[in-house]
Amino acid sequence: MIDATNLSLGYGSQIILRGIDLHIQAGQFWFITGRNGTGKTTLVRTLLRQLTPLGGTLSFSGAMQDHSRLGVVPQTLRIEETLPTTTAEFISLGSVGARLPRRDLRANLDYALERTNLAAQANQSYWELSGGQQQRARIARALVRRPKVLIADEPTRGLDVEIQSALLEQLRDLNATDGITLLVVSHNLQAVKQYASHCALLSNGGAVALERPHFDPLEDTLGGGL
């Protein structure tokens, strides 16, 4: 699905990460973690083809070759808050450009609402939702394409602990039940240890790929907090 060998990543002549080796397969639940400024966003932008590697090789196969089967939950969304929109309308915007028949669009919307427990809020204003519900709506917006791969950038940021746990449980269920490959950027060390099947630990200008249960380097590198 994603094969990266000896990648160098950065901007212009500035290398942020080097020597990156990652091999991500379908059905895995990856976390990308590290302290602030270690290059997590740079790595994600490269995987989304928004940045070109400065060196090494990066290849995609399977669902990663089909942009229509890739769902993305960005850390922030620029939305005009004065624009009235229901939760269902907000989620449906994720299907723009998918070129699906109306019947499939409706079925996909129902799926996204159901998988994020937002069916009861479908006709409610998006702006009236709680912070946790809005974040679930953002995930639903990515799910409305019925993706095979979901990339989420700090999906639990700014949420209280209980809501974070509920959201991560939903993501784990999408992975386990729906078979969606997950790549989640997170500062939450406990979440990585509890939910990840694999982890890319970024530090000192590089990355180490870890596989459960061999997560000891997380404590060694991040045990003092992020």
Protein backbone atom coordinates (compact mmCIF):
# COMPACT_ATOMS: atom_id res chain seq x y z
CA MET A 1 0.00 0.00 0.00
CA ILE A 2 2.75 2.48 1.02
CA ASP A 3 6.43 1.66 0.61
CA ALA A 4 8.99 4.28 1.59
CA THR A 5 12.70 3.56 1.39
CA ASN A 6 15.45 5.93 2.54
CA LEU A 7 13.18 8.95 2.10
CA SER A 8 14.38 12.49 2.61
CA LEU A 9 11.56 14.97 3.19
CA GLY A 10 11.42 18.70 3.52
CA TYR A 11 10.88 22.00 1.77
CA GLY A 12 13.14 23.29 -0.99
CA SER A 13 16.70 22.65 0.12
CA GLN A 14 15.72 22.23 3.79
CA ILE A 15 15.60 18.57 4.81
CA ILE A 16 13.30 17.90 7.77
CA LEU A 17 13.43 14.09 7.81
CA ARG A 18 15.92 11.70 6.27
CA GLY A 19 16.47 7.95 6.05
CA ILE A 20 12.75 7.15 6.39
CA ASP A 21 11.77 3.50 5.86
CA LEU A 22 8.06 2.71 6.22
CA HIS A 23 6.07 -0.18 4.84
CA ILE A 24 2.36 0.21 5.51
CA GLN A 25 0.00 -2.61 4.56
CA ALA A 26 -3.76 -2.74 4.16
CA GLY A 27 -5.73 -3.24 7.37
CA GLN A 28 -3.11 -1.87 9.74
CA PHE A 29 -3.70 0.87 12.34
CA TRP A 30 -0.73 3.24 12.31
CA PHE A 31 -0.01 6.17 14.57
CA ILE A 32 2.49 8.85 13.58
CA THR A 33 3.89 10.43 16.72
CA GLY A 34 6.75 12.52 18.02
CA ARG A 35 7.47 15.78 19.75
CA ASN A 36 6.47 19.11 18.23
CA GLY A 37 8.60 20.06 15.26
CA THR A 38 9.77 16.53 14.42
CA GLY A 39 8.14 16.50 10.97
CA LYS A 40 4.80 14.76 11.46
CA THR A 41 2.97 17.21 9.19
CA THR A 42 5.74 17.00 6.61
CA LEU A 43 5.42 13.21 6.52
CA VAL A 44 1.63 13.31 6.21
CA ARG A 45 1.73 15.92 3.45
CA THR A 46 4.18 13.72 1.56
CA LEU A 47 1.95 10.66 1.92
CA LEU A 48 -0.92 12.78 0.58
CA ARG A 49 1.26 13.75 -2.40
CA GLN A 50 1.18 17.40 -1.41
CA LEU A 51 4.98 17.37 -1.12
CA THR A 52 7.52 15.61 -3.33
CA PRO A 53 10.25 13.63 -1.56
CA LEU A 54 13.69 15.20 -1.75
CA GLY A 55 15.33 11.79 -1.98
CA GLY A 56 14.71 8.06 -1.71
CA THR A 57 11.78 6.15 -3.16
CA LEU A 58 8.08 6.30 -2.34
CA SER A 59 5.53 4.04 -4.02
CA PHE A 60 1.82 3.46 -3.58
CA SER A 61 -0.31 0.44 -4.37
CA GLY A 62 -3.88 -0.72 -3.86
CA ALA A 63 -6.27 1.83 -2.38
CA MET A 64 -3.53 4.47 -2.07
CA GLN A 65 -3.46 4.69 -5.87
CA ASP A 66 -7.14 5.64 -5.98
CA HIS A 67 -7.78 9.08 -4.49
CA SER A 68 -11.52 8.36 -4.36
CA ARG A 69 -10.86 5.63 -1.75
CA LEU A 70 -8.76 7.89 0.47
CA GLY A 71 -10.42 9.77 3.33
CA VAL A 72 -8.67 12.67 5.05
CA VAL A 73 -9.54 14.33 8.37
CA PRO A 74 -7.48 17.54 8.50
CA GLN A 75 -6.56 19.17 11.78
CA THR A 76 -8.50 22.29 10.81
CA LEU A 77 -11.20 23.06 8.29
CA ARG A 78 -11.87 26.49 6.87
CA ILE A 79 -15.63 26.86 6.95
CA GLU A 80 -17.67 30.03 6.86
CA GLU A 81 -19.46 29.99 10.21
CA THR A 82 -22.23 32.26 8.95
CA LEU A 83 -23.19 29.66 6.36
CA PRO A 84 -26.19 27.70 7.62
CA THR A 85 -25.64 23.99 7.16
CA THR A 86 -27.07 20.87 8.71
CA THR A 87 -24.85 18.05 9.90
CA ALA A 88 -25.93 15.94 6.92
CA GLU A 89 -25.11 18.74 4.49
CA PHE A 90 -21.71 19.25 6.09
CA ILE A 91 -20.90 15.54 5.82
CA SER A 92 -22.17 15.34 2.24
CA LEU A 93 -19.59 17.92 1.16
CA GLY A 94 -17.02 15.16 1.55
CA SER A 95 -18.44 13.46 -1.55
CA VAL A 96 -17.80 16.46 -3.82
CA GLY A 97 -15.95 15.22 -6.89
CA ALA A 98 -16.72 11.56 -6.20
CA ARG A 99 -19.05 11.33 -9.24
CA LEU A 100 -21.35 8.79 -7.64
CA PRO A 101 -25.01 8.17 -8.53
CA ARG A 102 -27.46 9.95 -6.23
CA ARG A 103 -28.59 6.62 -4.77
CA ASP A 104 -25.02 5.74 -3.79
CA LEU A 105 -24.46 9.20 -2.32
CA ARG A 106 -27.50 8.74 -0.08
CA ALA A 107 -26.38 5.27 0.99
CA ASN A 108 -22.88 6.55 1.73
CA LEU A 109 -24.28 9.42 3.80
CA ASP A 110 -26.39 7.00 5.82
CA TYR A 111 -23.31 4.84 6.35
CA ALA A 112 -21.20 7.79 7.52
CA LEU A 113 -23.90 9.01 9.91
CA GLU A 114 -24.41 5.53 11.35
CA ARG A 115 -20.70 4.74 11.79
CA THR A 116 -20.13 7.99 13.71
CA ASN A 117 -23.36 7.83 15.75
CA LEU A 118 -24.67 11.07 14.26
CA ALA A 119 -27.90 9.88 12.64
CA ALA A 120 -29.97 11.62 15.32
CA GLN A 121 -28.17 14.91 14.58
CA ALA A 122 -28.45 14.69 10.78
CA ASN A 123 -30.89 17.60 10.49
CA GLN A 124 -29.39 19.62 13.33
CA SER A 125 -27.18 22.62 12.55
CA TYR A 126 -23.53 21.62 12.42
CA TRP A 127 -22.73 24.73 14.44
CA GLU A 128 -24.94 23.55 17.31
CA LEU A 129 -23.01 20.31 17.76
CA SER A 130 -20.64 19.84 20.68
CA GLY A 131 -16.90 19.82 20.04
CA GLY A 132 -16.81 16.03 20.11
CA GLN A 133 -19.78 15.77 17.75
CA GLN A 134 -18.20 18.23 15.33
CA GLN A 135 -15.06 16.13 15.25
CA ARG A 136 -17.13 13.01 14.58
CA ALA A 137 -18.84 14.92 11.76
CA ARG A 138 -15.41 15.65 10.27
CA ILE A 139 -14.62 11.94 10.37
CA ALA A 140 -18.02 11.21 8.80
CA ARG A 141 -17.22 13.74 6.08
CA ALA A 142 -14.19 11.60 5.21
CA LEU A 143 -16.19 8.36 5.47
CA VAL A 144 -18.87 9.47 3.03
CA ARG A 145 -16.61 8.34 0.19
CA ARG A 146 -16.44 4.82 1.72
CA PRO A 147 -12.63 5.02 1.89
CA LYS A 148 -10.26 2.11 2.21
CA VAL A 149 -7.65 4.36 3.84
CA LEU A 150 -8.30 7.10 6.42
CA ILE A 151 -5.64 9.65 7.39
CA ALA A 152 -6.51 11.77 10.44
CA ASP A 153 -4.35 14.64 11.70
CA GLU A 154 -4.67 15.10 15.48
CA PRO A 155 -8.35 14.00 15.55
CA THR A 156 -8.57 14.17 19.36
CA ARG A 157 -6.88 17.54 19.79
CA GLY A 158 -8.76 19.88 22.13
CA LEU A 159 -11.20 17.22 23.35
CA ASP A 160 -11.56 16.08 26.94
CA VAL A 161 -10.26 12.66 27.92
CA GLU A 162 -13.60 10.86 27.88
CA ILE A 163 -14.49 12.15 24.42
CA GLN A 164 -11.00 11.34 23.16
CA SER A 165 -11.43 7.73 24.28
CA ALA A 166 -14.83 7.42 22.62
CA LEU A 167 -13.48 8.84 19.37
CA LEU A 168 -10.49 6.50 19.37
CA GLU A 169 -12.79 3.54 20.03
CA GLN A 170 -14.79 4.54 16.95
CA LEU A 171 -11.63 4.69 14.88
CA ARG A 172 -10.55 1.27 16.15
CA ASP A 173 -13.96 -0.11 15.20
CA LEU A 174 -13.64 1.31 11.68
CA ASN A 175 -10.34 -0.50 11.41
CA ALA A 176 -11.45 -3.79 12.94
CA THR A 177 -14.97 -4.02 11.53
CA ASP A 178 -14.80 -2.12 8.24
CA GLY A 179 -11.21 -3.00 7.40
CA ILE A 180 -10.20 0.62 6.90
CA THR A 181 -6.46 1.22 7.05
CA LEU A 182 -5.80 4.04 9.52
CA LEU A 183 -2.97 6.54 9.78
CA VAL A 184 -3.46 8.82 12.77
CA VAL A 185 -1.21 11.68 13.82
CA SER A 186 -1.28 12.02 17.60
CA HIS A 187 0.64 13.41 20.57
CA ASN A 188 -1.24 11.02 22.87
CA LEU A 189 1.31 8.45 23.99
CA GLN A 190 -1.28 6.38 25.85
CA ALA A 191 -3.51 6.26 22.77
CA VAL A 192 -0.62 5.03 20.65
CA LYS A 193 0.14 2.25 23.12
CA GLN A 194 -3.50 1.25 23.45
CA TYR A 195 -4.75 1.38 19.87
CA ALA A 196 -1.89 1.18 17.37
CA SER A 197 -0.89 -1.95 15.54
CA HIS A 198 2.13 -0.01 14.25
CA CYS A 199 3.75 3.33 14.98
CA ALA A 200 6.10 5.71 13.19
CA LEU A 201 8.09 7.43 15.93
CA LEU A 202 9.69 10.63 14.67
CA SER A 203 12.72 12.07 16.45
CA ASN A 204 16.15 13.54 15.71
CA GLY A 205 15.39 14.06 12.02
CA GLY A 206 14.40 10.45 11.37
CA ALA A 207 11.71 7.88 12.01
CA VAL A 208 11.59 4.45 13.59
CA ALA A 209 8.84 2.03 12.59
CA LEU A 210 7.51 0.05 15.56
CA GLU A 211 5.13 -2.90 15.64
CA ARG A 212 3.03 -4.07 18.59
CA PRO A 213 4.06 -5.26 21.13
CA HIS A 214 7.54 -3.75 20.67
CA PHE A 215 6.67 -0.20 21.74
CA ASP A 216 9.37 0.28 24.41
CA PRO A 217 11.15 3.03 22.39
CA LEU A 218 8.03 5.17 22.82
CA GLU A 219 8.67 5.40 26.55
CA ASP A 220 12.39 5.90 26.03
CA THR A 221 11.84 8.80 23.62
CA LEU A 222 8.56 10.32 24.79
CA GLY A 223 8.22 9.14 28.37
CA GLY A 224 8.87 12.64 29.64
CA GLY A 225 5.88 13.94 27.72
CA LEU A 226 5.38 15.60 24.38
